[in-house]
Amino acid sequence: MADFTQTVMDAYIPQVWSKKATITYRSNVVLANLCDRRWEPEISVGKGDRVNIPNFSQNSAAKKRSTFGTGAAVTFDAVDEALTTFQVDQFAYKAFRVPAELSVQAMAMYEPLLVRGIGEAIALQIDNELASDTSNGVDSFSTVVGTLNIDITDDNILTCETNLNNANAPVSDRFMVVSPATRTSLMKIDAYRNQLYTSTVGSVPGDRAHGYLGRIYTFDVYMSNNLAGAGGKKNGAFQREAVAFVMQKDVTIIRQTNIADGLFNEVVGYAVYGFKKIKDSFGNELDGK
């Protein structure tokens, strides 16, 4: 007696292509939104390639008259202000092209997924640069706290906070950006675990939802898997004014048909942007896992 098998029936067993597809999402693209973006309106499209930012010398102390009521001469301070030049000189893009005949035959959802991936790829590129740039990114802060590939501790976080306090950094808009492994390190700290129960996910503001983990002391904590470092991750603990970011031209999609090369449907997405470390003392490289 012979039974029918899948091999025997293969020609008659239909195959179904799902109308859905699995998508690998870029996780935790967060750094651009934590930077100082106040200069974006000043350098919009058509307004040049750089912003000259006058530095302001914060007054640290006043003078006193040695003898009250004498009308002694007043001494004037000479203030020599410097200038920071913030240049927009970065161009990121993602492009693909498909033969026209295949565009006709492919599932309708395929091209929209490709286009969606352009924005995600560019966002990931920018996040990687903000994390790993050794001149202007998180990896550029001259103050280093912690040890690579070692759990960060409560003392490490308090040291970062003290450093910002000593630099007169505003208490508002302070952020920690940590790797997934360092997030696990945080969960070993009682103060952080306890802080997680002070609010619920439903009360988290919308602008914090992407990558936002909670709060410890004066820091809002975000997670990113794009941080630099091979033998341990270079996390960051900083105030918003530490790094400035400008997206002069947000992600723009261009579509065209190329006849000369053989009839292709081409799609290119690009963005024009720049970033610069403005206040080094407002940031800490927080080394960990």
Protein backbone atom coordinates (compact mmCIF):
# COMPACT_ATOMS: atom_id res chain seq x y z
CA MET A 1 0.00 0.00 0.00
CA ALA A 2 1.40 3.42 -0.98
CA ASP A 3 0.42 6.63 0.75
CA PHE A 4 0.34 10.04 -0.83
CA THR A 5 3.20 12.25 0.38
CA GLN A 6 3.97 15.96 0.12
CA THR A 7 6.56 15.19 -2.56
CA VAL A 8 4.03 13.34 -4.65
CA MET A 9 1.42 16.05 -4.21
CA ASP A 10 3.81 18.99 -4.59
CA ALA A 11 2.48 20.00 -8.00
CA TYR A 12 -1.03 20.28 -6.58
CA ILE A 13 -0.35 21.89 -3.22
CA PRO A 14 -0.75 25.66 -3.65
CA GLN A 15 1.58 28.22 -2.12
CA VAL A 16 0.29 31.45 -0.65
CA TRP A 17 2.29 34.67 -0.52
CA SER A 18 1.32 36.69 2.51
CA LYS A 19 0.22 40.28 1.98
CA LYS A 20 2.27 41.14 5.06
CA ALA A 21 6.05 41.13 5.45
CA THR A 22 8.41 40.96 8.39
CA ILE A 23 10.30 44.21 8.84
CA THR A 24 13.50 44.70 10.78
CA TYR A 25 12.98 48.01 12.53
CA ARG A 26 15.88 50.25 13.47
CA SER A 27 15.59 50.41 17.23
CA ASN A 28 15.98 53.43 19.44
CA VAL A 29 16.98 56.18 17.05
CA VAL A 30 16.86 58.90 19.68
CA LEU A 31 19.94 61.13 19.87
CA ALA A 32 18.97 63.84 17.38
CA ASN A 33 15.92 64.79 19.44
CA LEU A 34 18.03 65.18 22.59
CA CYS A 35 20.37 67.75 21.03
CA ASP A 36 19.98 71.53 21.02
CA ARG A 37 18.02 72.34 17.85
CA ARG A 38 17.24 76.02 18.46
CA TRP A 39 19.26 77.13 15.40
CA GLU A 40 17.23 75.21 12.82
CA PRO A 41 14.91 78.15 12.00
CA GLU A 42 17.96 80.37 11.38
CA ILE A 43 19.54 78.14 8.75
CA SER A 44 16.62 76.78 6.79
CA VAL A 45 16.85 75.94 3.09
CA GLY A 46 18.50 78.73 1.07
CA LYS A 47 20.11 80.44 4.07
CA GLY A 48 23.72 79.42 3.66
CA ASP A 49 25.91 76.72 5.14
CA ARG A 50 26.84 77.93 8.59
CA VAL A 51 25.63 79.72 11.70
CA ASN A 52 27.98 82.01 13.62
CA ILE A 53 27.01 81.73 17.28
CA PRO A 54 28.28 84.49 19.61
CA ASN A 55 29.47 82.99 22.87
CA PHE A 56 28.31 84.60 26.09
CA SER A 57 30.75 84.87 28.98
CA GLN A 58 28.68 84.06 32.05
CA ASN A 59 29.49 86.48 34.88
CA SER A 60 31.00 84.57 37.76
CA ALA A 61 31.47 87.22 40.46
CA ALA A 62 30.76 90.86 41.29
CA LYS A 63 33.07 93.43 42.87
CA LYS A 64 32.73 95.24 46.20
CA ARG A 65 33.76 98.66 47.34
CA SER A 66 36.40 98.46 49.96
CA THR A 67 34.83 101.28 51.99
CA PHE A 68 31.11 101.88 52.09
CA GLY A 69 29.90 105.42 51.36
CA THR A 70 33.12 106.75 49.86
CA GLY A 71 32.02 107.09 46.24
CA ALA A 72 35.14 105.27 45.11
CA ALA A 73 35.69 104.81 41.38
CA VAL A 74 33.96 101.92 39.64
CA THR A 75 36.11 99.34 37.85
CA PHE A 76 34.68 98.12 34.56
CA ASP A 77 35.20 94.59 33.31
CA ALA A 78 36.63 94.03 29.85
CA VAL A 79 34.64 91.28 28.16
CA ASP A 80 36.17 89.61 25.13
CA GLU A 81 33.53 87.41 23.55
CA ALA A 82 34.45 84.50 21.29
CA LEU A 83 32.56 83.03 18.37
CA THR A 84 31.50 79.47 17.59
CA THR A 85 30.95 78.55 13.95
CA PHE A 86 28.38 75.84 13.42
CA GLN A 87 28.62 74.45 9.88
CA VAL A 88 25.97 72.38 8.14
CA ASP A 89 28.08 70.09 5.97
CA GLN A 90 26.66 66.57 6.21
CA PHE A 91 24.71 64.77 3.49
CA ALA A 92 23.20 61.34 4.03
CA TYR A 93 21.23 59.41 1.42
CA LYS A 94 19.71 56.06 0.57
CA ALA A 95 18.88 55.03 -3.00
CA PHE A 96 17.52 52.09 -4.94
CA ARG A 97 16.27 51.39 -8.44
CA VAL A 98 14.12 48.63 -9.88
CA PRO A 99 13.69 47.61 -13.54
CA ALA A 100 10.36 48.94 -14.75
CA GLU A 101 9.04 45.49 -15.65
CA LEU A 102 9.73 44.18 -12.13
CA SER A 103 8.00 47.19 -10.63
CA VAL A 104 4.91 46.13 -12.52
CA GLN A 105 5.09 42.58 -11.22
CA ALA A 106 6.15 43.11 -7.60
CA MET A 107 3.60 43.19 -4.77
CA ALA A 108 2.09 46.64 -4.34
CA MET A 109 3.40 46.90 -0.79
CA TYR A 110 7.05 46.34 -1.74
CA GLU A 111 8.00 49.81 -2.93
CA PRO A 112 6.27 51.61 -0.01
CA LEU A 113 8.31 49.44 2.36
CA LEU A 114 11.51 50.38 0.52
CA VAL A 115 10.63 54.07 0.69
CA ARG A 116 9.82 53.82 4.38
CA GLY A 117 13.18 52.17 4.92
CA ILE A 118 14.95 55.18 3.40
CA GLY A 119 13.87 57.45 6.25
CA GLU A 120 14.74 54.83 8.83
CA ALA A 121 18.20 54.25 7.31
CA ILE A 122 19.03 57.97 7.26
CA ALA A 123 17.81 58.41 10.84
CA LEU A 124 20.00 55.48 11.89
CA GLN A 125 22.99 56.99 10.09
CA ILE A 126 22.55 60.31 11.91
CA ASP A 127 22.10 58.57 15.26
CA ASN A 128 25.30 56.58 14.73
CA GLU A 129 27.22 59.76 13.90
CA LEU A 130 25.93 61.64 16.94
CA ALA A 131 26.97 58.71 19.12
CA SER A 132 30.39 57.91 17.67
CA ASP A 133 31.80 61.21 16.35
CA THR A 134 35.01 61.86 18.29
CA SER A 135 34.98 65.61 17.66
CA ASN A 136 31.36 66.62 18.21
CA GLY A 137 29.35 63.60 19.35
CA VAL A 138 28.80 61.72 22.62
CA ASP A 139 32.21 60.10 22.12
CA SER A 140 33.89 63.54 22.16
CA PHE A 141 33.21 64.69 25.72
CA SER A 142 36.53 65.22 27.48
CA THR A 143 35.17 64.16 30.87
CA VAL A 144 35.06 60.36 31.11
CA VAL A 145 33.29 58.58 33.96
CA GLY A 146 33.22 54.81 34.48
CA THR A 147 35.12 51.95 32.86
CA LEU A 148 34.49 50.23 29.54
CA ASN A 149 32.82 46.82 29.81
CA ILE A 150 32.17 47.29 33.55
CA ASP A 151 28.72 47.88 35.06
CA ILE A 152 28.08 51.55 35.75
CA THR A 153 27.32 52.29 39.38
CA ASP A 154 25.25 54.72 41.38
CA ASP A 155 28.46 56.61 42.15
CA ASN A 156 29.17 56.97 38.41
CA ILE A 157 25.78 58.57 37.83
CA LEU A 158 26.18 60.89 40.81
CA THR A 159 29.63 61.90 39.52
CA CYS A 160 28.12 62.84 36.14
CA GLU A 161 25.44 64.85 37.91
CA THR A 162 28.04 66.60 40.07
CA ASN A 163 30.10 67.46 37.00
CA LEU A 164 27.10 69.12 35.36
CA ASN A 165 26.24 70.96 38.57
CA ASN A 166 29.81 72.27 38.85
CA ALA A 167 29.55 73.52 35.25
CA ASN A 168 26.31 75.37 36.08
CA ALA A 169 24.43 73.27 33.53
CA PRO A 170 20.66 73.74 33.78
CA VAL A 171 18.88 71.03 35.76
CA SER A 172 16.25 70.77 33.04
CA ASP A 173 16.83 68.81 29.82
CA ARG A 174 19.47 66.48 31.23
CA PHE A 175 19.72 63.11 29.51
CA MET A 176 21.44 59.77 29.86
CA VAL A 177 21.66 57.66 26.71
CA VAL A 178 22.61 54.07 27.48
CA SER A 179 23.13 50.81 25.60
CA PRO A 180 20.84 47.80 26.18
CA ALA A 181 23.58 46.19 28.31
CA THR A 182 24.01 49.34 30.39
CA ARG A 183 20.26 49.45 30.88
CA THR A 184 20.69 46.06 32.55
CA SER A 185 23.40 47.60 34.72
CA LEU A 186 20.94 50.32 35.74
CA MET A 187 18.42 47.70 36.80
CA LYS A 188 20.94 46.54 39.42
CA ILE A 189 20.81 49.99 41.06
CA ASP A 190 18.08 50.21 43.69
CA ALA A 191 17.60 53.96 43.23
CA TYR A 192 16.83 53.47 39.54
CA ARG A 193 14.50 50.50 40.04
CA ASN A 194 12.57 52.37 42.70
CA GLN A 195 12.29 55.43 40.47
CA LEU A 196 10.59 53.36 37.76
CA TYR A 197 7.51 52.96 39.96
CA THR A 198 6.91 56.69 40.38
CA SER A 199 5.07 56.92 37.06
CA THR A 200 3.32 54.70 34.58
CA VAL A 201 3.88 54.31 30.87
CA GLY A 202 0.54 56.01 30.23
CA SER A 203 1.79 59.24 31.80
CA VAL A 204 5.01 59.45 29.76
CA PRO A 205 4.91 62.55 27.52
CA GLY A 206 4.67 61.74 23.82
CA ASP A 207 8.03 63.30 22.99
CA ARG A 208 9.71 60.88 25.40
CA ALA A 209 8.11 57.67 24.21
CA HIS A 210 10.80 56.70 21.67
CA GLY A 211 13.56 54.97 23.60
CA TYR A 212 12.53 56.54 26.92
CA LEU A 213 13.14 54.29 29.93
CA GLY A 214 12.49 56.46 32.96
CA ARG A 215 14.27 58.90 35.20
CA ILE A 216 17.10 58.76 37.72
CA TYR A 217 18.00 61.85 39.75
CA THR A 218 18.05 64.79 37.29
CA PHE A 219 18.47 62.62 34.17
CA ASP A 220 15.85 61.35 31.73
CA VAL A 221 17.17 57.96 30.61
CA TYR A 222 16.96 56.76 26.99
CA MET A 223 18.22 53.53 25.44
CA SER A 224 20.00 53.26 22.09
CA ASN A 225 21.79 50.35 20.44
CA ASN A 226 23.82 52.75 18.29
CA LEU A 227 26.40 53.86 20.86
CA ALA A 228 30.11 53.64 20.07
CA GLY A 229 32.66 51.26 21.54
CA ALA A 230 33.64 47.66 20.88
CA GLY A 231 35.04 46.56 24.26
CA GLY A 232 32.19 48.24 26.13
CA LYS A 233 29.85 51.09 25.24
CA LYS A 234 30.39 54.82 25.51
CA ASN A 235 27.13 55.99 27.01
CA GLY A 236 26.42 59.68 27.51
CA ALA A 237 25.19 61.86 30.37
CA PHE A 238 24.68 65.43 29.19
CA GLN A 239 22.54 68.53 29.15
CA ARG A 240 20.80 69.47 25.90
CA GLU A 241 23.03 72.50 25.22
CA ALA A 242 26.15 70.29 25.02
CA VAL A 243 25.60 69.39 21.35
CA ALA A 244 23.74 71.42 18.73
CA PHE A 245 22.03 69.73 15.80
CA VAL A 246 20.45 71.23 12.69
CA MET A 247 18.41 69.38 10.09
CA GLN A 248 18.54 71.96 7.30
CA LYS A 249 16.71 69.71 4.86
CA ASP A 250 14.61 66.93 6.33
CA VAL A 251 14.44 63.57 4.58
CA THR A 252 13.31 64.27 1.04
CA ILE A 253 12.28 61.59 -1.45
CA ILE A 254 12.93 61.99 -5.19
CA ARG A 255 11.45 59.60 -7.75
CA GLN A 256 12.32 59.44 -11.42
CA THR A 257 12.40 57.10 -14.40
CA ASN A 258 15.79 56.46 -15.97
CA ILE A 259 15.47 55.58 -19.66
CA ALA A 260 19.14 55.88 -20.67
CA ASP A 261 20.33 52.98 -18.50
CA GLY A 262 17.59 50.60 -19.57
CA LEU A 263 14.33 51.89 -18.05
CA PHE A 264 14.58 51.86 -14.27
CA ASN A 265 12.31 53.33 -11.63
CA GLU A 266 14.72 55.13 -9.28
CA VAL A 267 14.13 56.41 -5.77
CA VAL A 268 16.58 58.48 -3.72
CA GLY A 269 16.06 59.90 -0.26
CA TYR A 270 18.45 62.40 1.30
CA ALA A 271 18.91 64.78 4.21
CA VAL A 272 21.21 67.76 4.81
CA TYR A 273 22.29 68.38 8.39
CA GLY A 274 25.08 69.33 10.75
CA PHE A 275 25.99 69.02 14.41
CA LYS A 276 28.59 70.50 16.71
CA LYS A 277 29.66 70.19 20.32
CA ILE A 278 28.98 73.60 21.82
CA LYS A 279 29.63 73.10 25.54
CA ASP A 280 32.03 70.30 26.39
CA SER A 281 31.61 70.84 30.14
CA PHE A 282 27.89 70.08 29.80
CA GLY A 283 28.58 66.45 28.82
CA ASN A 284 30.10 63.27 30.20
CA GLU A 285 31.19 60.13 28.41
CA LEU A 286 29.79 57.45 30.69
CA ASP A 287 31.68 54.24 29.96
CA GLY A 288 30.02 50.92 30.69
CA LYS A 289 28.77 47.76 29.03
